[in-house]
Amino acid sequence: MSTISSGHDSGTRELAGEPYPAATTRIPGTIVAITAIVLTGVVTMTVAGVPAAGIATALAITVEAVRRLYKAVTS
């Protein structure tokens, strides 16, 4: 029978006795959450009348930040 530990003691989870980093298992959900937040921001900025250049700059900064975060977590 497989058990999944809470991961609080070592920062890893165990599935069938094999540990793997807990952070990498959360990446897909994190990407979905960040995407939802970004889309909400884009809609809000559009409704508020922010120029397209401002929205594009905000998106570029966000994409770069997420890229660096992903690289840091997976390396």
N, C-alpha and C. Protein backbone atom coordinates (compact mmCIF):
# COMPACT_ATOMS: atom_id res chain seq x y z
N MET A 1 0.84 -1.18 0.00
CA MET A 1 0.00 0.00 0.00
C MET A 1 0.88 1.24 0.00
N SER A 2 0.59 2.19 -0.86
CA SER A 2 1.38 3.40 -0.97
C SER A 2 0.96 4.41 0.08
N THR A 3 1.94 5.13 0.58
CA THR A 3 1.64 6.21 1.50
C THR A 3 2.30 7.48 0.99
N ILE A 4 1.68 8.59 1.28
CA ILE A 4 2.25 9.88 0.90
C ILE A 4 2.48 10.65 2.19
N SER A 5 3.75 10.97 2.45
CA SER A 5 4.06 11.71 3.67
C SER A 5 3.71 13.18 3.48
N SER A 6 3.64 13.89 4.57
CA SER A 6 3.29 15.31 4.51
C SER A 6 4.40 16.14 3.91
N GLY A 7 5.64 15.65 3.97
CA GLY A 7 6.76 16.39 3.41
C GLY A 7 7.28 17.49 4.31
N HIS A 8 6.72 17.62 5.50
CA HIS A 8 7.14 18.71 6.38
C HIS A 8 8.53 18.48 6.96
N ASP A 9 8.94 17.23 7.08
CA ASP A 9 10.22 16.95 7.73
C ASP A 9 11.41 17.17 6.82
N SER A 10 11.32 16.80 5.54
CA SER A 10 12.50 16.89 4.69
C SER A 10 12.27 17.67 3.40
N GLY A 11 11.08 18.15 3.17
CA GLY A 11 10.81 18.88 1.95
C GLY A 11 10.55 17.98 0.76
N THR A 12 10.43 16.69 0.99
CA THR A 12 10.12 15.76 -0.10
C THR A 12 8.86 14.99 0.25
N ARG A 13 8.26 14.42 -0.79
CA ARG A 13 7.11 13.54 -0.59
C ARG A 13 7.52 12.15 -1.01
N GLU A 14 6.89 11.17 -0.44
CA GLU A 14 7.19 9.81 -0.82
C GLU A 14 5.95 9.17 -1.43
N LEU A 15 6.13 8.57 -2.58
CA LEU A 15 5.07 7.83 -3.23
C LEU A 15 5.63 6.45 -3.48
N ALA A 16 5.07 5.45 -2.86
CA ALA A 16 5.57 4.08 -2.98
C ALA A 16 7.03 3.99 -2.56
N GLY A 17 7.42 4.77 -1.56
CA GLY A 17 8.76 4.68 -1.02
C GLY A 17 9.84 5.44 -1.76
N GLU A 18 9.49 6.12 -2.86
CA GLU A 18 10.50 6.84 -3.62
C GLU A 18 10.31 8.34 -3.43
N PRO A 19 11.28 9.01 -2.80
CA PRO A 19 11.14 10.46 -2.59
C PRO A 19 11.34 11.25 -3.88
N TYR A 20 10.64 12.35 -4.01
CA TYR A 20 10.85 13.27 -5.12
C TYR A 20 10.53 14.67 -4.62
N PRO A 21 11.13 15.69 -5.21
CA PRO A 21 10.93 17.05 -4.70
C PRO A 21 9.47 17.48 -4.74
N ALA A 22 8.99 17.98 -3.64
CA ALA A 22 7.59 18.41 -3.56
C ALA A 22 7.31 19.59 -4.47
N ALA A 23 8.28 20.48 -4.65
CA ALA A 23 8.06 21.68 -5.46
C ALA A 23 7.75 21.34 -6.91
N THR A 24 8.41 20.35 -7.47
CA THR A 24 8.20 20.03 -8.88
C THR A 24 6.82 19.43 -9.12
N THR A 25 6.21 18.86 -8.10
CA THR A 25 4.88 18.29 -8.29
C THR A 25 3.81 19.38 -8.31
N ARG A 26 4.16 20.58 -7.86
CA ARG A 26 3.20 21.67 -7.80
C ARG A 26 3.32 22.63 -8.98
N ILE A 27 4.27 22.40 -9.86
CA ILE A 27 4.50 23.33 -10.97
C ILE A 27 3.28 23.49 -11.87
N PRO A 28 2.62 22.42 -12.33
CA PRO A 28 1.45 22.62 -13.20
C PRO A 28 0.36 23.46 -12.55
N GLY A 29 0.05 23.21 -11.31
CA GLY A 29 -0.96 24.00 -10.61
C GLY A 29 -0.54 25.44 -10.43
N THR A 30 0.75 25.64 -10.20
CA THR A 30 1.27 26.99 -10.06
C THR A 30 1.15 27.75 -11.36
N ILE A 31 1.45 27.09 -12.48
CA ILE A 31 1.34 27.72 -13.79
C ILE A 31 -0.10 28.12 -14.07
N VAL A 32 -1.04 27.26 -13.74
CA VAL A 32 -2.46 27.57 -13.93
C VAL A 32 -2.85 28.78 -13.09
N ALA A 33 -2.40 28.81 -11.84
CA ALA A 33 -2.74 29.93 -10.95
C ALA A 33 -2.14 31.24 -11.46
N ILE A 34 -0.88 31.20 -11.88
CA ILE A 34 -0.24 32.41 -12.38
C ILE A 34 -0.93 32.89 -13.65
N THR A 35 -1.30 31.95 -14.52
CA THR A 35 -2.00 32.31 -15.76
C THR A 35 -3.33 32.99 -15.45
N ALA A 36 -4.06 32.47 -14.48
CA ALA A 36 -5.34 33.07 -14.11
C ALA A 36 -5.15 34.48 -13.56
N ILE A 37 -4.13 34.66 -12.75
CA ILE A 37 -3.85 35.98 -12.18
C ILE A 37 -3.47 36.96 -13.28
N VAL A 38 -2.62 36.51 -14.20
CA VAL A 38 -2.18 37.38 -15.31
C VAL A 38 -3.36 37.78 -16.18
N LEU A 39 -4.21 36.81 -16.52
CA LEU A 39 -5.38 37.13 -17.35
C LEU A 39 -6.32 38.11 -16.66
N THR A 40 -6.49 37.92 -15.36
CA THR A 40 -7.31 38.86 -14.60
C THR A 40 -6.71 40.27 -14.65
N GLY A 41 -5.39 40.34 -14.52
CA GLY A 41 -4.71 41.63 -14.59
C GLY A 41 -4.85 42.28 -15.95
N VAL A 42 -4.73 41.48 -17.01
CA VAL A 42 -4.87 42.02 -18.37
C VAL A 42 -6.27 42.58 -18.59
N VAL A 43 -7.27 41.83 -18.16
CA VAL A 43 -8.66 42.30 -18.31
C VAL A 43 -8.87 43.58 -17.51
N THR A 44 -8.37 43.59 -16.28
CA THR A 44 -8.51 44.77 -15.42
C THR A 44 -7.84 45.99 -16.04
N MET A 45 -6.62 45.80 -16.55
CA MET A 45 -5.90 46.92 -17.17
C MET A 45 -6.62 47.41 -18.43
N THR A 46 -7.16 46.47 -19.19
CA THR A 46 -7.88 46.85 -20.41
C THR A 46 -9.12 47.68 -20.07
N VAL A 47 -9.87 47.22 -19.09
CA VAL A 47 -11.08 47.94 -18.67
C VAL A 47 -10.72 49.31 -18.11
N ALA A 48 -9.58 49.39 -17.42
CA ALA A 48 -9.15 50.66 -16.83
C ALA A 48 -8.58 51.62 -17.86
N GLY A 49 -8.40 51.15 -19.08
CA GLY A 49 -7.91 52.03 -20.13
C GLY A 49 -6.40 52.14 -20.23
N VAL A 50 -5.68 51.16 -19.70
CA VAL A 50 -4.22 51.18 -19.80
C VAL A 50 -3.83 50.95 -21.25
N PRO A 51 -2.89 51.73 -21.77
CA PRO A 51 -2.47 51.56 -23.16
C PRO A 51 -1.88 50.17 -23.41
N ALA A 52 -1.98 49.70 -24.64
CA ALA A 52 -1.49 48.36 -24.99
C ALA A 52 -0.01 48.20 -24.67
N ALA A 53 0.77 49.26 -24.84
CA ALA A 53 2.21 49.19 -24.55
C ALA A 53 2.45 48.90 -23.07
N GLY A 54 1.64 49.48 -22.21
CA GLY A 54 1.76 49.24 -20.77
C GLY A 54 1.42 47.81 -20.41
N ILE A 55 0.38 47.28 -21.03
CA ILE A 55 -0.02 45.89 -20.80
C ILE A 55 1.07 44.95 -21.30
N ALA A 56 1.61 45.24 -22.48
CA ALA A 56 2.67 44.40 -23.04
C ALA A 56 3.91 44.40 -22.15
N THR A 57 4.25 45.54 -21.60
CA THR A 57 5.40 45.63 -20.69
C THR A 57 5.15 44.81 -19.43
N ALA A 58 3.97 44.93 -18.86
CA ALA A 58 3.62 44.15 -17.67
C ALA A 58 3.68 42.66 -17.95
N LEU A 59 3.18 42.25 -19.11
CA LEU A 59 3.22 40.83 -19.48
C LEU A 59 4.66 40.35 -19.66
N ALA A 60 5.49 41.16 -20.29
CA ALA A 60 6.89 40.78 -20.51
C ALA A 60 7.62 40.59 -19.18
N ILE A 61 7.38 41.49 -18.25
CA ILE A 61 8.01 41.39 -16.93
C ILE A 61 7.52 40.13 -16.21
N THR A 62 6.23 39.86 -16.28
CA THR A 62 5.66 38.68 -15.64
C THR A 62 6.21 37.39 -16.23
N VAL A 63 6.27 37.32 -17.56
CA VAL A 63 6.79 36.12 -18.23
C VAL A 63 8.24 35.87 -17.82
N GLU A 64 9.04 36.90 -17.78
CA GLU A 64 10.44 36.76 -17.39
C GLU A 64 10.56 36.30 -15.93
N ALA A 65 9.74 36.85 -15.05
CA ALA A 65 9.76 36.45 -13.65
C ALA A 65 9.36 34.99 -13.48
N VAL A 66 8.33 34.56 -14.19
CA VAL A 66 7.89 33.16 -14.11
C VAL A 66 8.94 32.24 -14.70
N ARG A 67 9.59 32.65 -15.79
CA ARG A 67 10.64 31.84 -16.40
C ARG A 67 11.79 31.64 -15.41
N ARG A 68 12.19 32.69 -14.73
CA ARG A 68 13.28 32.59 -13.76
C ARG A 68 12.88 31.73 -12.57
N LEU A 69 11.64 31.88 -12.12
CA LEU A 69 11.15 31.06 -11.01
C LEU A 69 11.14 29.59 -11.38
N TYR A 70 10.63 29.27 -12.56
CA TYR A 70 10.58 27.89 -13.03
C TYR A 70 11.99 27.31 -13.13
N LYS A 71 12.92 28.09 -13.68
CA LYS A 71 14.30 27.63 -13.83
C LYS A 71 14.93 27.37 -12.46
N ALA A 72 14.66 28.24 -11.50
CA ALA A 72 15.21 28.08 -10.16
C ALA A 72 14.65 26.84 -9.46
N VAL A 73 13.38 26.57 -9.66
CA VAL A 73 12.74 25.43 -8.99
C VAL A 73 13.17 24.11 -9.61
N THR A 74 13.35 24.09 -10.92
CA THR A 74 13.65 22.82 -11.59
C THR A 74 15.13 22.53 -11.73
N SER A 75 16.00 23.48 -11.41
CA SER A 75 17.44 23.20 -11.57
C SER A 75 18.06 22.69 -10.30
